[in-house]
C-alpha atoms as a PDB file:
ATOM      1  CA  UNK A   1    -112.065 112.666  90.644  1.00  0.00           C
ATOM      2  CA  UNK A   2    -108.722 113.771  88.567  1.00  0.00           C
ATOM      3  CA  UNK A   3    -105.609 114.361  90.492  1.00  0.00           C
ATOM      4  CA  UNK A   4    -102.867 117.047  88.932  1.00  0.00           C
ATOM      5  CA  UNK A   5     -99.800 115.706  90.842  1.00  0.00           C
ATOM      6  CA  UNK A   6     -99.851 111.966  90.602  1.00  0.00           C
ATOM      7  CA  UNK A   7     -97.709 111.207  87.585  1.00  0.00           C
ATOM      8  CA  UNK A   8     -95.259 113.922  88.174  1.00  0.00           C
ATOM      9  CA  UNK A   9     -94.951 111.909  91.546  1.00  0.00           C
ATOM     10  CA  UNK A  10     -94.223 108.947  89.796  1.00  0.00           C
ATOM     11  CA  UNK A  11     -91.522 110.177  87.302  1.00  0.00           C
ATOM     12  CA  UNK A  12     -89.894 111.979  90.478  1.00  0.00           C
ATOM     13  CA  UNK A  13     -89.612 108.696  92.429  1.00  0.00           C
ATOM     14  CA  UNK A  14     -88.899 107.040  88.889  1.00  0.00           C
ATOM     15  CA  UNK A  15     -85.662 109.212  88.652  1.00  0.00           C
ATOM     16  CA  UNK A  16     -84.591 109.128  92.128  1.00  0.00           C
ATOM     17  CA  UNK A  17     -84.758 105.215  92.087  1.00  0.00           C
ATOM     18  CA  UNK A  18     -82.889 104.836  88.667  1.00  0.00           C
ATOM     19  CA  UNK A  19     -80.061 107.073  90.143  1.00  0.00           C
ATOM     20  CA  UNK A  20     -79.990 105.017  93.015  1.00  0.00           C
ATOM     21  CA  UNK A  21     -79.337 101.645  90.248  1.00  0.00           C
ATOM     22  CA  UNK A  22     -83.206 100.344  90.058  1.00  0.00           C
ATOM     23  CA  UNK A  23     -84.886  99.436  87.117  1.00  0.00           C
ATOM     24  CA  UNK A  24     -88.433 100.944  87.252  1.00  0.00           C
ATOM     25  CA  UNK A  25     -91.341  99.880  85.478  1.00  0.00           C
ATOM     26  CA  UNK A  26     -94.364 102.222  85.301  1.00  0.00           C
ATOM     27  CA  UNK A  27     -97.912 102.803  84.908  1.00  0.00           C
ATOM     28  CA  UNK A  28     -99.379 105.931  84.439  1.00  0.00           C
ATOM     29  CA  UNK A  29    -103.165 107.075  84.133  1.00  0.00           C
ATOM     30  CA  UNK A  30    -105.020 104.883  82.377  1.00  0.00           C
ATOM     31  CA  UNK A  31    -102.669 102.387  81.880  1.00  0.00           C
ATOM     32  CA  UNK A  32    -102.976 102.070  86.041  1.00  0.00           C
ATOM     33  CA  UNK A  33    -105.954  99.583  86.378  1.00  0.00           C
ATOM     34  CA  UNK A  34    -106.085  97.045  89.417  1.00  0.00           C
ATOM     35  CA  UNK A  35    -105.529  93.992  86.476  1.00  0.00           C
ATOM     36  CA  UNK A  36    -102.289  95.589  85.492  1.00  0.00           C
ATOM     37  CA  UNK A  37    -100.984  96.971  89.127  1.00  0.00           C
ATOM     38  CA  UNK A  38    -101.676  93.315  90.448  1.00  0.00           C
ATOM     39  CA  UNK A  39     -99.984  91.745  87.547  1.00  0.00           C
ATOM     40  CA  UNK A  40     -97.174  93.920  87.813  1.00  0.00           C
ATOM     41  CA  UNK A  41     -96.813  93.438  92.179  1.00  0.00           C
ATOM     42  CA  UNK A  42     -97.305  89.731  91.166  1.00  0.00           C
ATOM     43  CA  UNK A  43     -94.246  89.419  88.582  1.00  0.00           C
ATOM     44  CA  UNK A  44     -91.728  91.924  90.867  1.00  0.00           C
ATOM     45  CA  UNK A  45     -92.478  89.816  94.010  1.00  0.00           C
ATOM     46  CA  UNK A  46     -92.111  86.159  92.094  1.00  0.00           C
ATOM     47  CA  UNK A  47     -88.642  87.529  90.284  1.00  0.00           C
ATOM     48  CA  UNK A  48     -86.981  89.139  93.086  1.00  0.00           C
ATOM     49  CA  UNK A  49     -84.070  86.871  94.720  1.00  0.00           C
ATOM     50  CA  UNK A  50     -82.153  87.332  97.850  1.00  0.00           C
ATOM     51  CA  UNK A  51     -81.094  90.325  99.029  1.00  0.00           C
ATOM     52  CA  UNK A  52     -82.760  92.098  95.953  1.00  0.00           C
ATOM     53  CA  UNK A  53     -84.503  95.343  96.872  1.00  0.00           C
ATOM     54  CA  UNK A  54     -87.927  96.353  95.722  1.00  0.00           C
ATOM     55  CA  UNK A  55     -90.198  99.145  95.690  1.00  0.00           C
ATOM     56  CA  UNK A  56     -93.445  99.749  95.072  1.00  0.00           C
ATOM     57  CA  UNK A  57     -94.880 103.520  94.724  1.00  0.00           C
ATOM     58  CA  UNK A  58     -98.489 104.236  94.473  1.00  0.00           C
ATOM     59  CA  UNK A  59     -99.777 108.099  94.049  1.00  0.00           C
ATOM     60  CA  UNK A  60    -103.318 108.279  93.637  1.00  0.00           C
ATOM     61  CA  UNK A  61    -106.814 108.142  95.678  1.00  0.00           C
ATOM     62  CA  UNK A  62    -106.921 106.267  99.046  1.00  0.00           C
ATOM     63  CA  UNK A  63    -110.255 105.083 100.188  1.00  0.00           C
ATOM     64  CA  UNK A  64    -111.441 102.559 102.784  1.00  0.00           C
ATOM     65  CA  UNK A  65    -114.437 100.090 102.817  1.00  0.00           C
ATOM     66  CA  UNK A  66    -115.965  97.615 105.561  1.00  0.00           C
ATOM     67  CA  UNK A  67    -114.199  94.745 106.492  1.00  0.00           C
ATOM     68  CA  UNK A  68    -115.706  91.218 105.363  1.00  0.00           C
ATOM     69  CA  UNK A  69    -113.015  89.241 106.652  1.00  0.00           C
ATOM     70  CA  UNK A  70    -113.482  90.479 110.320  1.00  0.00           C
ATOM     71  CA  UNK A  71    -109.254  90.220 110.223  1.00  0.00           C
ATOM     72  CA  UNK A  72    -109.255  94.517 110.914  1.00  0.00           C
ATOM     73  CA  UNK A  73    -109.621  96.042 114.185  1.00  0.00           C
ATOM     74  CA  UNK A  74    -110.972  99.037 113.007  1.00  0.00           C
ATOM     75  CA  UNK A  75    -113.777  97.421 110.748  1.00  0.00           C
ATOM     76  CA  UNK A  76    -111.829  98.782 107.332  1.00  0.00           C
ATOM     77  CA  UNK A  77    -109.985  97.341 104.901  1.00  0.00           C
ATOM     78  CA  UNK A  78    -108.030 100.599 103.492  1.00  0.00           C
ATOM     79  CA  UNK A  79    -106.966 100.520  99.448  1.00  0.00           C
ATOM     80  CA  UNK A  80    -105.625 102.686  96.868  1.00  0.00           C
ATOM     81  CA  UNK A  81    -107.908 103.432  93.910  1.00  0.00           C
ATOM     82  CA  UNK A  82    -106.926 102.205  90.294  1.00  0.00           C
ATOM     83  CA  UNK A  83    -108.666 103.731  87.436  1.00  0.00           C
ATOM     84  CA  UNK A  84    -111.222 101.500  87.318  1.00  0.00           C
ATOM     85  CA  UNK A  85    -111.861 101.902  90.786  1.00  0.00           C
ATOM     86  CA  UNK A  86    -115.638 102.984  90.347  1.00  0.00           C
ATOM     87  CA  UNK A  87    -116.186  99.732  88.262  1.00  0.00           C
ATOM     88  CA  UNK A  88    -115.341  98.172  91.668  1.00  0.00           C
ATOM     89  CA  UNK A  89    -112.148  96.893  91.006  1.00  0.00           C
ATOM     90  CA  UNK A  90    -110.585  97.926  93.980  1.00  0.00           C
ATOM     91  CA  UNK A  91    -106.737  97.336  95.139  1.00  0.00           C
ATOM     92  CA  UNK A  92    -107.447  96.336  99.310  1.00  0.00           C
ATOM     93  CA  UNK A  93    -104.767  95.888 101.545  1.00  0.00           C
ATOM     94  CA  UNK A  94    -105.857  92.320 101.769  1.00  0.00           C
ATOM     95  CA  UNK A  95    -104.489  91.829  98.191  1.00  0.00           C
ATOM     96  CA  UNK A  96    -101.964  93.492  98.602  1.00  0.00           C
ATOM     97  CA  UNK A  97    -101.120  91.347 101.931  1.00  0.00           C
ATOM     98  CA  UNK A  98    -101.772  88.388  99.602  1.00  0.00           C
ATOM     99  CA  UNK A  99     -99.068  89.488  97.137  1.00  0.00           C
ATOM    100  CA  UNK A 100     -96.667  90.664  99.340  1.00  0.00           C
ATOM    101  CA  UNK A 101     -96.629  87.695 101.597  1.00  0.00           C
ATOM    102  CA  UNK A 102     -95.047  85.558  98.326  1.00  0.00           C
ATOM    103  CA  UNK A 103     -91.788  87.404  99.195  1.00  0.00           C
ATOM    104  CA  UNK A 104     -88.837  85.176  99.617  1.00  0.00           C
ATOM    105  CA  UNK A 105     -86.950  85.778 102.553  1.00  0.00           C
ATOM    106  CA  UNK A 106     -83.938  87.867 102.326  1.00  0.00           C
ATOM    107  CA  UNK A 107     -86.171  90.298  99.769  1.00  0.00           C
ATOM    108  CA  UNK A 108     -86.076  94.058 100.972  1.00  0.00           C
ATOM    109  CA  UNK A 109     -89.657  95.612  99.929  1.00  0.00           C
ATOM    110  CA  UNK A 110     -90.526  98.915 100.064  1.00  0.00           C
ATOM    111  CA  UNK A 111     -93.333 100.528  99.883  1.00  0.00           C
ATOM    112  CA  UNK A 112     -94.599 104.470  99.350  1.00  0.00           C
ATOM    113  CA  UNK A 113     -98.374 105.197  99.049  1.00  0.00           C
ATOM    114  CA  UNK A 114     -99.100 109.078  98.459  1.00  0.00           C
ATOM    115  CA  UNK A 115    -102.404 108.232  98.891  1.00  0.00           C
ATOM    116  CA  UNK A 116    -104.799 108.547 101.411  1.00  0.00           C
ATOM    117  CA  UNK A 117    -105.291 104.859 102.825  1.00  0.00           C
ATOM    118  CA  UNK A 118    -108.354 106.326 104.989  1.00  0.00           C
ATOM    119  CA  UNK A 119    -109.437 109.237 107.108  1.00  0.00           C
ATOM    120  CA  UNK A 120    -112.978 110.966 107.847  1.00  0.00           C
ATOM    121  CA  UNK A 121    -115.105 111.917 105.572  1.00  0.00           C
ATOM    122  CA  UNK A 122    -115.371 115.319 107.458  1.00  0.00           C
ATOM    123  CA  UNK A 123    -112.048 116.960 107.324  1.00  0.00           C
ATOM    124  CA  UNK A 124    -111.173 118.784 104.311  1.00  0.00           C
ATOM    125  CA  UNK A 125    -108.607 120.951 103.081  1.00  0.00           C
ATOM    126  CA  UNK A 126    -107.960 124.016 104.992  1.00  0.00           C
ATOM    127  CA  UNK A 127    -108.945 127.393 103.431  1.00  0.00           C
ATOM    128  CA  UNK A 128    -106.448 129.491 101.914  1.00  0.00           C
ATOM    129  CA  UNK A 129    -102.646 129.079 101.182  1.00  0.00           C
ATOM    130  CA  UNK A 130    -101.602 127.233  97.643  1.00  0.00           C
ATOM    131  CA  UNK A 131    -104.574 125.254  96.039  1.00  0.00           C
ATOM    132  CA  UNK A 132    -104.794 121.660  97.506  1.00  0.00           C
ATOM    133  CA  UNK A 133    -106.821 118.581  96.980  1.00  0.00           C
ATOM    134  CA  UNK A 134    -107.355 115.397  99.278  1.00  0.00           C
ATOM    135  CA  UNK A 135    -106.263 112.207  97.592  1.00  0.00           C
ATOM    136  CA  UNK A 136    -109.306 110.779  99.172  1.00  0.00           C
ATOM    137  CA  UNK A 137    -112.327 109.047  98.249  1.00  0.00           C
ATOM    138  CA  UNK A 138    -114.939 109.167 100.845  1.00  0.00           C
ATOM    139  CA  UNK A 139    -116.273 105.314 100.782  1.00  0.00           C
ATOM    140  CA  UNK A 140    -119.913 106.191 100.290  1.00  0.00           C
ATOM    141  CA  UNK A 141    -119.324 107.219  96.317  1.00  0.00           C
ATOM    142  CA  UNK A 142    -119.047 103.411  96.203  1.00  0.00           C
ATOM    143  CA  UNK A 143    -122.049 102.475  98.045  1.00  0.00           C
ATOM    144  CA  UNK A 144    -124.383 103.821  94.906  1.00  0.00           C
ATOM    145  CA  UNK A 145    -127.343 104.081  96.813  1.00  0.00           C
ATOM    146  CA  UNK A 146    -126.919 100.567  98.374  1.00  0.00           C
ATOM    147  CA  UNK A 147    -128.430 101.012 102.121  1.00  0.00           C
ATOM    148  CA  UNK A 148    -127.018  97.780 103.618  1.00  0.00           C
ATOM    149  CA  UNK A 149    -123.551  98.989 102.205  1.00  0.00           C
ATOM    150  CA  UNK A 150    -124.296 102.301 103.417  1.00  0.00           C
ATOM    151  CA  UNK A 151    -124.745 100.728 106.872  1.00  0.00           C
ATOM    152  CA  UNK A 152    -121.981  98.532 106.626  1.00  0.00           C
ATOM    153  CA  UNK A 153    -119.384 102.221 105.875  1.00  0.00           C
ATOM    154  CA  UNK A 154    -121.682 103.848 108.884  1.00  0.00           C
ATOM    155  CA  UNK A 155    -120.422 100.922 111.370  1.00  0.00           C
ATOM    156  CA  UNK A 156    -116.957 101.136 110.138  1.00  0.00           C
ATOM    157  CA  UNK A 157    -116.969 105.135 110.385  1.00  0.00           C
ATOM    158  CA  UNK A 158    -117.576 104.780 113.937  1.00  0.00           C
ATOM    159  CA  UNK A 159    -114.634 102.638 115.121  1.00  0.00           C
ATOM    160  CA  UNK A 160    -111.763 104.654 115.526  1.00  0.00           C
ATOM    161  CA  UNK A 161    -109.147 102.170 116.543  1.00  0.00           C
ATOM    162  CA  UNK A 162    -105.932 101.691 114.909  1.00  0.00           C
ATOM    163  CA  UNK A 163    -105.667  99.946 111.769  1.00  0.00           C
ATOM    164  CA  UNK A 164    -103.316  96.873 111.844  1.00  0.00           C
ATOM    165  CA  UNK A 165    -100.301  96.965 109.281  1.00  0.00           C
ATOM    166  CA  UNK A 166     -99.740  93.221 108.922  1.00  0.00           C
ATOM    167  CA  UNK A 167     -97.880  93.193 104.878  1.00  0.00           C
ATOM    168  CA  UNK A 168     -94.517  91.665 104.840  1.00  0.00           C
ATOM    169  CA  UNK A 169     -93.215  95.499 103.960  1.00  0.00           C
ATOM    170  CA  UNK A 170     -91.871  98.877 104.987  1.00  0.00           C
ATOM    171  CA  UNK A 171     -94.269 100.643 104.512  1.00  0.00           C
ATOM    172  CA  UNK A 172     -94.012 104.718 104.330  1.00  0.00           C
ATOM    173  CA  UNK A 173     -97.130 106.651 104.326  1.00  0.00           C
ATOM    174  CA  UNK A 174     -98.140 109.821 103.432  1.00  0.00           C
ATOM    175  CA  UNK A 175    -100.399 110.431 105.935  1.00  0.00           C
ATOM    176  CA  UNK A 176    -101.960 108.863 109.574  1.00  0.00           C
ATOM    177  CA  UNK A 177    -105.370 106.565 109.249  1.00  0.00           C
ATOM    178  CA  UNK A 178    -107.265 109.436 110.267  1.00  0.00           C
ATOM    179  CA  UNK A 179    -105.792 112.185 107.852  1.00  0.00           C
ATOM    180  CA  UNK A 180    -105.717 113.063 104.250  1.00  0.00           C
ATOM    181  CA  UNK A 181    -102.634 113.440 101.977  1.00  0.00           C
ATOM    182  CA  UNK A 182    -102.666 116.353  99.685  1.00  0.00           C
ATOM    183  CA  UNK A 183    -102.521 116.943  96.014  1.00  0.00           C
ATOM    184  CA  UNK A 184    -100.902 120.618  95.765  1.00  0.00           C
ATOM    185  CA  UNK A 185     -98.539 122.788  93.465  1.00  0.00           C
ATOM    186  CA  UNK A 186     -95.327 123.748  94.170  1.00  0.00           C
ATOM    187  CA  UNK A 187     -93.472 126.490  91.809  1.00  0.00           C
ATOM    188  CA  UNK A 188     -96.029 126.021  89.282  1.00  0.00           C
ATOM    189  CA  UNK A 189     -95.864 122.330  89.242  1.00  0.00           C
ATOM    190  CA  UNK A 190     -98.414 119.608  90.913  1.00  0.00           C
ATOM    191  CA  UNK A 191     -96.800 117.329  92.985  1.00  0.00           C
ATOM    192  CA  UNK A 192     -98.113 115.002  96.443  1.00  0.00           C
ATOM    193  CA  UNK A 193     -97.220 116.925  99.433  1.00  0.00           C
ATOM    194  CA  UNK A 194     -95.502 113.784 100.876  1.00  0.00           C
ATOM    195  CA  UNK A 195     -93.822 112.937  97.560  1.00  0.00           C
ATOM    196  CA  UNK A 196     -92.674 116.600  96.977  1.00  0.00           C
ATOM    197  CA  UNK A 197     -90.983 116.918 100.658  1.00  0.00           C
ATOM    198  CA  UNK A 198     -89.504 113.329 100.446  1.00  0.00           C
ATOM    199  CA  UNK A 199     -87.773 113.975  97.344  1.00  0.00           C
ATOM    200  CA  UNK A 200     -86.222 117.200  98.264  1.00  0.00           C
ATOM    201  CA  UNK A 201     -85.213 115.253 101.961  1.00  0.00           C
ATOM    202  CA  UNK A 202     -83.381 112.273  99.883  1.00  0.00           C
ATOM    203  CA  UNK A 203     -81.264 114.726  98.466  1.00  0.00           C
ATOM    204  CA  UNK A 204     -79.227 114.871 101.457  1.00  0.00           C
ATOM    205  CA  UNK A 205     -76.516 112.130 101.062  1.00  0.00           C
ATOM    206  CA  UNK A 206     -76.437 111.643 104.765  1.00  0.00           C
ATOM    207  CA  UNK A 207     -79.617 109.853 104.980  1.00  0.00           C
ATOM    208  CA  UNK A 208     -79.120 106.030 105.026  1.00  0.00           C
ATOM    209  CA  UNK A 209     -82.095 104.360 107.094  1.00  0.00           C
ATOM    210  CA  UNK A 210     -86.086 104.673 106.533  1.00  0.00           C
ATOM    211  CA  UNK A 211     -86.013 105.733 110.261  1.00  0.00           C
ATOM    212  CA  UNK A 212     -83.500 108.511 109.187  1.00  0.00           C
ATOM    213  CA  UNK A 213     -85.745 109.508 106.223  1.00  0.00           C
ATOM    214  CA  UNK A 214     -88.837 109.390 108.212  1.00  0.00           C
ATOM    215  CA  UNK A 215     -87.369 111.726 111.306  1.00  0.00           C
ATOM    216  CA  UNK A 216     -86.466 114.214 107.882  1.00  0.00           C
ATOM    217  CA  UNK A 217     -89.952 114.233 106.449  1.00  0.00           C
ATOM    218  CA  UNK A 218     -91.398 114.587 109.634  1.00  0.00           C
ATOM    219  CA  UNK A 219     -89.134 117.634 110.552  1.00  0.00           C
ATOM    220  CA  UNK A 220     -91.221 119.378 107.511  1.00  0.00           C
ATOM    221  CA  UNK A 221     -94.574 117.740 107.673  1.00  0.00           C
ATOM    222  CA  UNK A 222     -97.275 118.274 109.410  1.00  0.00           C
ATOM    223  CA  UNK A 223     -96.938 121.848 108.497  1.00  0.00           C
ATOM    224  CA  UNK A 224     -99.432 124.740 109.083  1.00  0.00           C
ATOM    225  CA  UNK A 225    -100.272 124.590 105.047  1.00  0.00           C
ATOM    226  CA  UNK A 226    -100.240 121.374 104.868  1.00  0.00           C
ATOM    227  CA  UNK A 227    -101.828 118.988 107.651  1.00  0.00           C
ATOM    228  CA  UNK A 228    -100.816 115.224 106.874  1.00  0.00           C
ATOM    229  CA  UNK A 229     -98.379 113.554 109.223  1.00  0.00           C
ATOM    230  CA  UNK A 230     -96.044 110.916 107.263  1.00  0.00           C
ATOM    231  CA  UNK A 231     -96.056 107.775 109.216  1.00  0.00           C
ATOM    232  CA  UNK A 232     -93.688 104.429 109.024  1.00  0.00           C
ATOM    233  CA  UNK A 233     -94.347 101.323 109.389  1.00  0.00           C
ATOM    234  CA  UNK A 234     -92.468  98.063 109.827  1.00  0.00           C
ATOM    235  CA  UNK A 235     -90.177  95.924 112.243  1.00  0.00           C
ATOM    236  CA  UNK A 236     -87.512  97.822 113.834  1.00  0.00           C
ATOM    237  CA  UNK A 237     -84.725  95.977 112.201  1.00  0.00           C
ATOM    238  CA  UNK A 238     -86.418  96.875 108.714  1.00  0.00           C
ATOM    239  CA  UNK A 239     -86.734 100.924 110.190  1.00  0.00           C
ATOM    240  CA  UNK A 240     -82.793 100.683 111.278  1.00  0.00           C
ATOM    241  CA  UNK A 241     -81.725  98.682 107.745  1.00  0.00           C
ATOM    242  CA  UNK A 242     -80.759 100.453 104.440  1.00  0.00           C
ATOM    243  CA  UNK A 243     -83.078 102.681 103.061  1.00  0.00           C
ATOM    244  CA  UNK A 244     -83.721 101.364  99.208  1.00  0.00           C
END
C-alpha cells in the first residue's frame, strides 16, 4: 500500500507555508498514526485565536466506510487513512467534523486533502503515460471476510448521491468523490498530482483567493494523463476570502 510521493507533498507544502509565515508541525510515515493526527489537530484548533489562519494538509490514501450514524446522503463516511488504518484506526469525516467544530469564531481553517476521499473500486489508472498509483484503499480491504460488513459496503457502493460537506473548514480536495487522486513522478521526483499542480500554480503571486487558486488548478486538471478533478468546498465568503 506504500505511496512514493506523500512525504514530498508534505515537505513541499511545509516550504510554501513557512515562506508565508506559518509555523508547521509535520507527521511523516510511521509517526502519522490516528492518535497523533487527532492530538495534533485538537491542539491546533484549541490554540487558534481570533483572526488566526490554520492549515491541515493530508497526503496519503483515502477510502470510505458504510455510514453508521445515518447522516450521509450517500451512505458513506469518507476517511483519510493514517498509517495504522489496518488496525481499524480510521480517521473519518465525522471525526474531523467533531474536531473542527471546536474552532473559535474568526479562525480561518483550510484543509488540503491530496488523497482519494472516496471512489469507485471499478476505476483504475489509465494505461500508458507516467507511472501512477491511485491514493485509494477499497473499503473491502477492511472487511476481512466479514460478510455483514461486506453487504453494508455493497449497499453504500450502490448509493451514488453526493456526499455532504459539513465540517467548518474550507476544503481543497484533489478529486471528486467518484474519482481517484494519483501518486506520480515529475522529473524523477514522486509527488501527488494535485500537490505538484497546486504548488506550481501558487508561484503566481496574483492568486490571492481560494476561488482564484481553484480556478487556476482547474485549468491544468483534469488532463489526459491525470483524470482527477480538484474540488473546492466551503461558503461563498470563504471561497472569496484570503488564501492562507
